C-alpha atoms as a PDB file:
ATOM      1  CA  MET A   1     -78.411  60.838 118.707  1.00  0.00           C
ATOM      2  CA  ALA A   2     -78.717  64.632 118.641  1.00  0.00           C
ATOM      3  CA  MET A   3     -75.769  64.885 121.057  1.00  0.00           C
ATOM      4  CA  ASP A   4     -73.590  62.734 118.763  1.00  0.00           C
ATOM      5  CA  ALA A   5     -74.408  64.914 115.744  1.00  0.00           C
ATOM      6  CA  GLU A   6     -73.584  68.038 117.747  1.00  0.00           C
ATOM      7  CA  ARG A   7     -70.261  66.537 118.900  1.00  0.00           C
ATOM      8  CA  VAL A   8     -69.338  65.591 115.328  1.00  0.00           C
ATOM      9  CA  GLU A   9     -70.188  69.085 114.135  1.00  0.00           C
ATOM     10  CA  MET A  10     -68.251  70.591 117.056  1.00  0.00           C
ATOM     11  CA  ARG A  11     -65.143  68.512 116.230  1.00  0.00           C
ATOM     12  CA  ALA A  12     -65.406  69.460 112.550  1.00  0.00           C
ATOM     13  CA  LEU A  13     -65.604  73.148 113.476  1.00  0.00           C
ATOM     14  CA  GLU A  14     -62.663  72.827 115.883  1.00  0.00           C
ATOM     15  CA  ALA A  15     -60.603  71.153 113.142  1.00  0.00           C
ATOM     16  CA  GLU A  16     -61.513  73.929 110.696  1.00  0.00           C
ATOM     17  CA  ILE A  17     -60.536  76.570 113.271  1.00  0.00           C
ATOM     18  CA  ALA A  18     -57.178  74.835 113.812  1.00  0.00           C
ATOM     19  CA  VAL A  19     -56.502  74.803 110.053  1.00  0.00           C
ATOM     20  CA  LEU A  20     -57.393  78.503 109.756  1.00  0.00           C
ATOM     21  CA  GLN A  21     -55.211  79.405 112.749  1.00  0.00           C
ATOM     22  CA  GLN A  22     -52.287  77.544 111.185  1.00  0.00           C
ATOM     23  CA  ALA A  23     -52.820  79.388 107.883  1.00  0.00           C
ATOM     24  CA  CYS A  24     -52.897  82.728 109.714  1.00  0.00           C
ATOM     25  CA  LYS A  25     -49.619  81.934 111.480  1.00  0.00           C
ATOM     26  CA  GLN A  26     -47.940  81.362 108.111  1.00  0.00           C
ATOM     27  CA  LEU A  27     -48.973  84.781 106.758  1.00  0.00           C
ATOM     28  CA  PRO A  28     -46.514  87.585 107.519  1.00  0.00           C
ATOM     29  CA  ALA A  29     -47.843  90.256 109.831  1.00  0.00           C
ATOM     30  CA  PRO A  30     -48.391  93.641 108.147  1.00  0.00           C
ATOM     31  CA  TRP A  31     -45.624  95.256 110.200  1.00  0.00           C
ATOM     32  CA  GLU A  32     -43.202  92.489 109.143  1.00  0.00           C
ATOM     33  CA  ASP A  33     -43.807  93.330 105.483  1.00  0.00           C
ATOM     34  CA  GLY A  34     -43.168  96.998 106.229  1.00  0.00           C
ATOM     35  CA  ALA A  35     -39.914  96.154 107.978  1.00  0.00           C
ATOM     36  CA  ARG A  36     -38.790  93.987 105.040  1.00  0.00           C
ATOM     37  CA  VAL A  37     -39.648  96.750 102.567  1.00  0.00           C
ATOM     38  CA  ARG A  38     -37.737  99.342 104.611  1.00  0.00           C
ATOM     39  CA  LYS A  39     -34.718  97.026 104.884  1.00  0.00           C
ATOM     40  CA  SER A  40     -34.720  96.364 101.130  1.00  0.00           C
ATOM     41  CA  PHE A  41     -35.113 100.067 100.398  1.00  0.00           C
ATOM     42  CA  GLN A  42     -32.153 100.828 102.666  1.00  0.00           C
ATOM     43  CA  GLU A  43     -30.054  98.216 100.815  1.00  0.00           C
ATOM     44  CA  ILE A  44     -30.901  99.857  97.500  1.00  0.00           C
ATOM     45  CA  HIS A  45     -30.161 103.332  98.857  1.00  0.00           C
ATOM     46  CA  GLN A  46     -26.828 102.181 100.290  1.00  0.00           C
ATOM     47  CA  SER A  47     -25.774 100.555  97.030  1.00  0.00           C
ATOM     48  CA  ASP A  48     -26.843 103.708  95.152  1.00  0.00           C
ATOM     49  CA  SER A  49     -24.752 105.908  97.406  1.00  0.00           C
ATOM     50  CA  ALA A  50     -21.829 103.527  96.926  1.00  0.00           C
ATOM     51  CA  GLY A  51     -21.729 104.719  93.334  1.00  0.00           C
ATOM     52  CA  TRP A  52     -22.639 101.545  91.465  1.00  0.00           C
ATOM     53  CA  GLU A  53     -23.451 103.557  88.347  1.00  0.00           C
ATOM     54  CA  SER A  54     -19.895 104.801  88.034  1.00  0.00           C
ATOM     55  CA  SER A  55     -18.525 101.326  88.690  1.00  0.00           C
ATOM     56  CA  LYS A  56     -17.179  99.500  85.665  1.00  0.00           C
ATOM     57  CA  ASP A  57     -17.699  96.171  87.422  1.00  0.00           C
ATOM     58  CA  PRO A  58     -20.621  94.305  85.808  1.00  0.00           C
ATOM     59  CA  LYS A  59     -20.998  92.044  88.871  1.00  0.00           C
ATOM     60  CA  THR A  60     -21.596  95.050  91.113  1.00  0.00           C
ATOM     61  CA  HIS A  61     -24.085  96.460  88.649  1.00  0.00           C
ATOM     62  CA  LEU A  62     -25.868  93.084  88.377  1.00  0.00           C
ATOM     63  CA  ARG A  63     -26.037  92.736  92.180  1.00  0.00           C
ATOM     64  CA  HIS A  64     -27.605  96.180  92.449  1.00  0.00           C
ATOM     65  CA  LEU A  65     -30.199  95.315  89.800  1.00  0.00           C
ATOM     66  CA  GLU A  66     -31.017  92.044  91.594  1.00  0.00           C
ATOM     67  CA  VAL A  67     -31.548  93.874  94.894  1.00  0.00           C
ATOM     68  CA  GLU A  68     -33.710  96.481  93.179  1.00  0.00           C
ATOM     69  CA  PHE A  69     -35.759  93.790  91.405  1.00  0.00           C
ATOM     70  CA  SER A  70     -36.256  91.930  94.680  1.00  0.00           C
ATOM     71  CA  PHE A  71     -37.430  95.150  96.345  1.00  0.00           C
ATOM     72  CA  LEU A  72     -39.930  95.897  93.571  1.00  0.00           C
ATOM     73  CA  SER A  73     -41.246  92.316  93.696  1.00  0.00           C
ATOM     74  CA  MET A  74     -41.731  92.546  97.448  1.00  0.00           C
ATOM     75  CA  LEU A  75     -43.352  95.976  97.220  1.00  0.00           C
ATOM     76  CA  THR A  76     -45.782  95.175  94.393  1.00  0.00           C
ATOM     77  CA  GLY A  77     -46.402  91.472  94.967  1.00  0.00           C
ATOM     78  CA  PHE A  78     -45.423  90.692  91.368  1.00  0.00           C
ATOM     79  CA  ASN A  79     -43.122  87.709  90.957  1.00  0.00           C
ATOM     80  CA  ILE A  80     -41.662  87.289  87.454  1.00  0.00           C
ATOM     81  CA  THR A  81     -40.752  83.646  86.817  1.00  0.00           C
ATOM     82  CA  ASP A  82     -39.719  83.736  83.157  1.00  0.00           C
ATOM     83  CA  TYR A  83     -38.762  86.388  80.604  1.00  0.00           C
ATOM     84  CA  SER A  84     -37.679  86.280  76.985  1.00  0.00           C
ATOM     85  CA  LYS A  85     -36.985  88.911  74.343  1.00  0.00           C
ATOM     86  CA  LYS A  86     -36.488  88.516  70.609  1.00  0.00           C
ATOM     87  CA  THR A  87     -35.261  91.368  68.426  1.00  0.00           C
ATOM     88  CA  GLU A  88     -35.791  91.655  64.690  1.00  0.00           C
ATOM     89  CA  ASP A  89     -34.280  94.324  62.430  1.00  0.00           C
ATOM     90  CA  LEU A  90     -36.966  95.614  60.042  1.00  0.00           C
ATOM     91  CA  THR A  91     -34.815  98.270  58.386  1.00  0.00           C
ATOM     92  CA  SER A  92     -35.708  98.563  54.734  1.00  0.00           C
ATOM     93  CA  THR A  93     -33.037  97.192  52.399  1.00  0.00           C
ATOM     94  CA  GLU A  94     -34.407  99.023  49.375  1.00  0.00           C
ATOM     95  CA  MET A  95     -32.227 101.658  47.750  1.00  0.00           C
ATOM     96  CA  THR A  96     -33.558 104.928  49.102  1.00  0.00           C
ATOM     97  CA  GLU A  97     -31.909 108.197  49.891  1.00  0.00           C
ATOM     98  CA  GLU A  98     -31.967 107.463  53.576  1.00  0.00           C
ATOM     99  CA  SER A  99     -32.816 104.164  55.221  1.00  0.00           C
ATOM    100  CA  ILE A 100     -35.034 104.381  58.281  1.00  0.00           C
ATOM    101  CA  LYS A 101     -33.970 102.007  61.015  1.00  0.00           C
ATOM    102  CA  LYS A 102     -36.831  99.972  62.459  1.00  0.00           C
ATOM    103  CA  VAL A 103     -36.433  97.393  65.189  1.00  0.00           C
ATOM    104  CA  LEU A 104     -39.170  95.087  66.462  1.00  0.00           C
ATOM    105  CA  GLN A 105     -38.789  93.624  69.951  1.00  0.00           C
ATOM    106  CA  ARG A 106     -41.029  90.763  71.081  1.00  0.00           C
ATOM    107  CA  HIS A 107     -41.278  90.403  74.851  1.00  0.00           C
ATOM    108  CA  ARG A 108     -42.837  87.556  76.816  1.00  0.00           C
ATOM    109  CA  LEU A 109     -42.934  87.256  80.576  1.00  0.00           C
ATOM    110  CA  SER A 110     -44.647  84.921  82.988  1.00  0.00           C
ATOM    111  CA  GLY A 111     -45.291  85.370  86.653  1.00  0.00           C
ATOM    112  CA  SER A 112     -47.773  85.752  89.430  1.00  0.00           C
ATOM    113  CA  CYS A 113     -49.246  88.418  91.629  1.00  0.00           C
ATOM    114  CA  HIS A 114     -50.447  86.987  94.907  1.00  0.00           C
ATOM    115  CA  VAL A 115     -52.849  84.219  93.755  1.00  0.00           C
ATOM    116  CA  VAL A 116     -53.148  85.231  90.089  1.00  0.00           C
ATOM    117  CA  THR A 117     -50.848  83.562  87.548  1.00  0.00           C
ATOM    118  CA  PHE A 118     -50.344  85.399  84.262  1.00  0.00           C
ATOM    119  CA  GLN A 119     -48.437  85.554  80.998  1.00  0.00           C
ATOM    120  CA  LEU A 120     -47.827  88.886  79.273  1.00  0.00           C
ATOM    121  CA  GLU A 121     -46.771  89.253  75.649  1.00  0.00           C
ATOM    122  CA  PHE A 122     -46.173  92.484  73.749  1.00  0.00           C
ATOM    123  CA  GLN A 123     -44.179  93.957  70.893  1.00  0.00           C
ATOM    124  CA  ILE A 124     -42.321  97.250  70.725  1.00  0.00           C
ATOM    125  CA  LEU A 125     -41.619  98.820  67.347  1.00  0.00           C
ATOM    126  CA  GLU A 126     -38.781 101.355  67.513  1.00  0.00           C
ATOM    127  CA  ILE A 127     -38.414 103.793  64.619  1.00  0.00           C
ATOM    128  CA  GLN A 128     -35.163 105.742  64.496  1.00  0.00           C
ATOM    129  CA  GLU A 129     -36.385 108.503  62.159  1.00  0.00           C
ATOM    130  CA  ASN A 130     -38.620 110.147  64.735  1.00  0.00           C
ATOM    131  CA  SER A 131     -37.128 108.459  67.804  1.00  0.00           C
ATOM    132  CA  SER A 132     -40.390 106.808  68.726  1.00  0.00           C
ATOM    133  CA  SER A 133     -41.444 103.500  70.182  1.00  0.00           C
ATOM    134  CA  VAL A 134     -44.889 101.975  69.877  1.00  0.00           C
ATOM    135  CA  ILE A 135     -46.209  99.073  71.933  1.00  0.00           C
ATOM    136  CA  THR A 136     -48.296  96.764  69.779  1.00  0.00           C
ATOM    137  CA  ASP A 137     -50.023  93.413  70.142  1.00  0.00           C
ATOM    138  CA  LEU A 138     -50.468  93.461  73.908  1.00  0.00           C
ATOM    139  CA  SER A 139     -51.764  90.138  75.187  1.00  0.00           C
ATOM    140  CA  ILE A 140     -52.395  89.117  78.794  1.00  0.00           C
ATOM    141  CA  VAL A 141     -53.229  85.492  79.538  1.00  0.00           C
ATOM    142  CA  MET A 142     -54.384  84.528  83.028  1.00  0.00           C
ATOM    143  CA  GLU A 143     -55.007  81.191  84.643  1.00  0.00           C
ATOM    144  CA  PRO A 144     -58.674  80.716  85.561  1.00  0.00           C
ATOM    145  CA  THR A 145     -59.317  81.900  89.123  1.00  0.00           C
ATOM    146  CA  GLU A 146     -62.250  82.775  91.293  1.00  0.00           C
ATOM    147  CA  TYR A 147     -61.687  86.409  90.270  1.00  0.00           C
ATOM    148  CA  SER A 148     -63.865  86.295  87.159  1.00  0.00           C
ATOM    149  CA  GLU A 149     -64.245  90.104  87.095  1.00  0.00           C
ATOM    150  CA  LEU A 150     -60.480  90.466  86.764  1.00  0.00           C
ATOM    151  CA  SER A 151     -60.355  87.959  83.912  1.00  0.00           C
ATOM    152  CA  GLU A 152     -63.165  89.811  82.137  1.00  0.00           C
ATOM    153  CA  PHE A 153     -61.353  93.131  82.593  1.00  0.00           C
ATOM    154  CA  VAL A 154     -58.078  91.758  81.231  1.00  0.00           C
ATOM    155  CA  SER A 155     -59.719  90.141  78.208  1.00  0.00           C
ATOM    156  CA  SER A 156     -61.580  93.315  77.194  1.00  0.00           C
END
């Protein structure tokens, strides 16, 4: 009986080892990530030196921004899945000597960073008079994870 229990435990451990080995094979090796980052950086540098900024072609400009965004996502681990922006003109319509232009932008983005899923919302109030921008109403919402310390930090 003791031998059967040991064999069952041994098979369970072997199965667990096989699952872990398979998971490790699916993870990119650290040097592979470095090679991908270098390749992406070279693509960005090449498109910069090609003079995309002086190009009037919006498709070229968009392609450069996509490559740059992909590079930053790979480098930081942040993956943005959704983004929206709403703009509201708050310029006073009252009769004053000089109207001060105020614009409120509401931003919302969703994404993930490795295993953490998040949603970020914030507002930017731009005031033309003193050429300033103020970020207000910052809100970060995270899906519950095993990283309770991170959730506590974000909510404080």
